[in-house]
């Protein structure tokens, strides 16, 4: 597993947590929720790309 992937996901999580706290304390709960959902989509896109690369590597390994 690539360590950079873990750091990217952790960085997004920390950034979103800080933004979420700031937005909730300023009374913008809807924007905090949308920020969280957007970050979830970004992380899922990163993970799906890595899973796709894994499947391509497995296909090449078994000559499928």
N, C-alpha and C. Protein backbone atom coordinates (compact mmCIF):
# COMPACT_ATOMS: atom_id res chain seq x y z
N UNK A 1 0.85 -1.18 0.00
CA UNK A 1 0.00 0.00 0.00
C UNK A 1 0.89 1.24 0.00
N UNK A 2 0.44 2.21 -0.73
CA UNK A 2 1.20 3.44 -0.85
C UNK A 2 0.94 4.34 0.36
N UNK A 3 2.02 4.80 0.98
CA UNK A 3 1.89 5.63 2.18
C UNK A 3 1.32 7.01 1.81
N UNK A 4 1.60 7.47 0.59
CA UNK A 4 1.08 8.76 0.16
C UNK A 4 -0.43 8.78 0.16
N UNK A 5 -1.05 7.67 -0.20
CA UNK A 5 -2.51 7.58 -0.20
C UNK A 5 -3.07 7.80 1.20
N UNK A 6 -2.44 7.19 2.18
CA UNK A 6 -2.89 7.35 3.56
C UNK A 6 -2.74 8.80 4.00
N UNK A 7 -1.63 9.43 3.63
CA UNK A 7 -1.42 10.83 4.00
C UNK A 7 -2.41 11.75 3.31
N UNK A 8 -2.75 11.47 2.05
CA UNK A 8 -3.72 12.30 1.33
C UNK A 8 -5.09 12.23 2.00
N UNK A 9 -5.52 11.01 2.32
CA UNK A 9 -6.83 10.84 2.96
C UNK A 9 -6.83 11.49 4.34
N UNK A 10 -5.75 11.34 5.07
CA UNK A 10 -5.66 11.96 6.40
C UNK A 10 -5.67 13.48 6.30
N UNK A 11 -4.98 14.02 5.31
CA UNK A 11 -4.95 15.48 5.15
C UNK A 11 -6.33 16.02 4.81
N UNK A 12 -7.04 15.33 3.93
CA UNK A 12 -8.40 15.75 3.60
C UNK A 12 -9.29 15.66 4.84
N UNK A 13 -9.14 14.60 5.61
CA UNK A 13 -9.95 14.44 6.82
C UNK A 13 -9.70 15.53 7.84
N UNK A 14 -8.44 15.87 8.05
CA UNK A 14 -8.12 16.92 9.02
C UNK A 14 -8.64 18.27 8.55
N UNK A 15 -8.46 18.56 7.27
CA UNK A 15 -8.93 19.83 6.71
C UNK A 15 -10.44 19.95 6.82
N UNK A 16 -11.14 18.89 6.50
CA UNK A 16 -12.60 18.91 6.57
C UNK A 16 -13.08 19.02 8.01
N UNK A 17 -12.39 18.36 8.93
CA UNK A 17 -12.79 18.45 10.34
C UNK A 17 -12.67 19.88 10.84
N UNK A 18 -11.59 20.56 10.48
CA UNK A 18 -11.40 21.95 10.90
C UNK A 18 -12.46 22.85 10.27
N UNK A 19 -12.68 22.67 8.95
CA UNK A 19 -13.70 23.48 8.28
C UNK A 19 -15.09 23.22 8.85
N UNK A 20 -15.37 21.96 9.16
CA UNK A 20 -16.66 21.61 9.71
C UNK A 20 -16.88 22.29 11.06
N UNK A 21 -15.88 22.28 11.90
CA UNK A 21 -16.00 22.93 13.22
C UNK A 21 -16.21 24.44 13.06
N UNK A 22 -15.40 25.05 12.17
CA UNK A 22 -15.54 26.49 11.96
C UNK A 22 -16.91 26.87 11.41
N UNK A 23 -17.39 26.11 10.45
CA UNK A 23 -18.69 26.42 9.85
C UNK A 23 -19.84 26.19 10.84
N UNK A 24 -19.76 25.13 11.63
CA UNK A 24 -20.83 24.87 12.60
C UNK A 24 -20.87 25.94 13.69
N UNK A 25 -19.71 26.39 14.11
CA UNK A 25 -19.69 27.42 15.17
C UNK A 25 -20.18 28.77 14.67
N UNK A 26 -20.08 28.99 13.35
CA UNK A 26 -20.57 30.25 12.80
C UNK A 26 -22.03 30.15 12.38
N UNK A 27 -22.65 29.00 12.62
CA UNK A 27 -24.07 28.84 12.36
C UNK A 27 -24.39 28.43 10.93
N UNK A 28 -23.43 27.92 10.21
CA UNK A 28 -23.66 27.51 8.82
C UNK A 28 -23.62 25.99 8.74
N UNK A 29 -24.63 25.38 9.32
CA UNK A 29 -24.66 23.92 9.40
C UNK A 29 -24.81 23.27 8.02
N UNK A 30 -25.61 23.88 7.13
CA UNK A 30 -25.80 23.31 5.80
C UNK A 30 -24.50 23.30 5.01
N UNK A 31 -23.74 24.37 5.11
CA UNK A 31 -22.47 24.43 4.40
C UNK A 31 -21.45 23.45 4.99
N UNK A 32 -21.52 23.24 6.29
CA UNK A 32 -20.63 22.26 6.92
C UNK A 32 -20.96 20.86 6.42
N UNK A 33 -22.23 20.55 6.29
CA UNK A 33 -22.65 19.25 5.77
C UNK A 33 -22.22 19.08 4.32
N UNK A 34 -22.40 20.11 3.51
CA UNK A 34 -22.00 20.03 2.10
C UNK A 34 -20.48 19.88 1.97
N UNK A 35 -19.72 20.52 2.83
CA UNK A 35 -18.26 20.37 2.81
C UNK A 35 -17.87 18.93 3.14
N UNK A 36 -18.53 18.36 4.10
CA UNK A 36 -18.26 16.98 4.48
C UNK A 36 -18.60 16.02 3.34
N UNK A 37 -19.72 16.24 2.70
CA UNK A 37 -20.13 15.38 1.58
C UNK A 37 -19.17 15.53 0.41
N UNK A 38 -18.75 16.76 0.12
CA UNK A 38 -17.80 16.98 -0.98
C UNK A 38 -16.47 16.29 -0.70
N UNK A 39 -16.01 16.35 0.54
CA UNK A 39 -14.75 15.69 0.90
C UNK A 39 -14.89 14.18 0.79
N UNK A 40 -16.03 13.65 1.16
CA UNK A 40 -16.28 12.22 1.04
C UNK A 40 -16.21 11.79 -0.42
N UNK A 41 -16.80 12.58 -1.30
CA UNK A 41 -16.76 12.28 -2.73
C UNK A 41 -15.33 12.31 -3.26
N UNK A 42 -14.55 13.31 -2.84
CA UNK A 42 -13.16 13.42 -3.29
C UNK A 42 -12.35 12.20 -2.84
N UNK A 43 -12.50 11.81 -1.59
CA UNK A 43 -11.76 10.65 -1.07
C UNK A 43 -12.20 9.37 -1.78
N UNK A 44 -13.49 9.23 -2.02
CA UNK A 44 -13.97 8.05 -2.73
C UNK A 44 -13.43 8.00 -4.15
N UNK A 45 -13.31 9.14 -4.82
CA UNK A 45 -12.74 9.17 -6.16
C UNK A 45 -11.28 8.73 -6.14
N UNK A 46 -10.54 9.20 -5.16
CA UNK A 46 -9.12 8.80 -5.04
C UNK A 46 -9.02 7.30 -4.82
N UNK A 47 -9.85 6.76 -3.95
CA UNK A 47 -9.79 5.33 -3.64
C UNK A 47 -10.25 4.49 -4.83
N UNK A 48 -11.26 4.95 -5.56
CA UNK A 48 -11.73 4.20 -6.72
C UNK A 48 -10.65 4.15 -7.80
N UNK A 49 -9.90 5.22 -7.96
CA UNK A 49 -8.80 5.22 -8.93
C UNK A 49 -7.74 4.18 -8.53
N UNK A 50 -7.43 4.12 -7.26
CA UNK A 50 -6.43 3.15 -6.81
C UNK A 50 -6.93 1.71 -6.96
N UNK A 51 -8.22 1.49 -6.71
CA UNK A 51 -8.80 0.15 -6.88
C UNK A 51 -8.78 -0.23 -8.36
N UNK A 52 -9.05 0.72 -9.24
CA UNK A 52 -8.98 0.47 -10.67
C UNK A 52 -7.56 0.09 -11.09
N UNK A 53 -6.58 0.77 -10.56
CA UNK A 53 -5.19 0.42 -10.85
C UNK A 53 -4.86 -0.98 -10.34
N UNK A 54 -5.39 -1.34 -9.20
CA UNK A 54 -5.18 -2.68 -8.65
C UNK A 54 -5.76 -3.74 -9.57
N UNK A 55 -6.99 -3.52 -10.06
CA UNK A 55 -7.61 -4.49 -10.95
C UNK A 55 -6.85 -4.60 -12.27
N UNK A 56 -6.35 -3.47 -12.78
CA UNK A 56 -5.55 -3.52 -14.00
C UNK A 56 -4.27 -4.32 -13.79
N UNK A 57 -3.65 -4.15 -12.64
CA UNK A 57 -2.44 -4.89 -12.33
C UNK A 57 -2.73 -6.39 -12.22
N UNK A 58 -3.86 -6.75 -11.62
CA UNK A 58 -4.25 -8.16 -11.50
C UNK A 58 -4.53 -8.75 -12.88
N UNK A 59 -5.18 -7.97 -13.75
CA UNK A 59 -5.43 -8.45 -15.11
C UNK A 59 -4.13 -8.73 -15.84
N UNK A 60 -3.17 -7.83 -15.70
CA UNK A 60 -1.88 -8.03 -16.34
C UNK A 60 -1.14 -9.23 -15.75
N UNK A 61 -1.29 -9.43 -14.48
CA UNK A 61 -0.60 -10.54 -13.82
C UNK A 61 -1.08 -11.88 -14.32
N UNK A 62 -2.39 -12.01 -14.50
CA UNK A 62 -2.97 -13.27 -14.92
C UNK A 62 -3.26 -13.31 -16.43
N UNK A 63 -2.82 -12.30 -17.15
CA UNK A 63 -3.01 -12.22 -18.62
C UNK A 63 -4.48 -12.38 -19.01
N UNK A 64 -5.33 -11.61 -18.38
CA UNK A 64 -6.77 -11.67 -18.69
C UNK A 64 -7.15 -10.62 -19.70
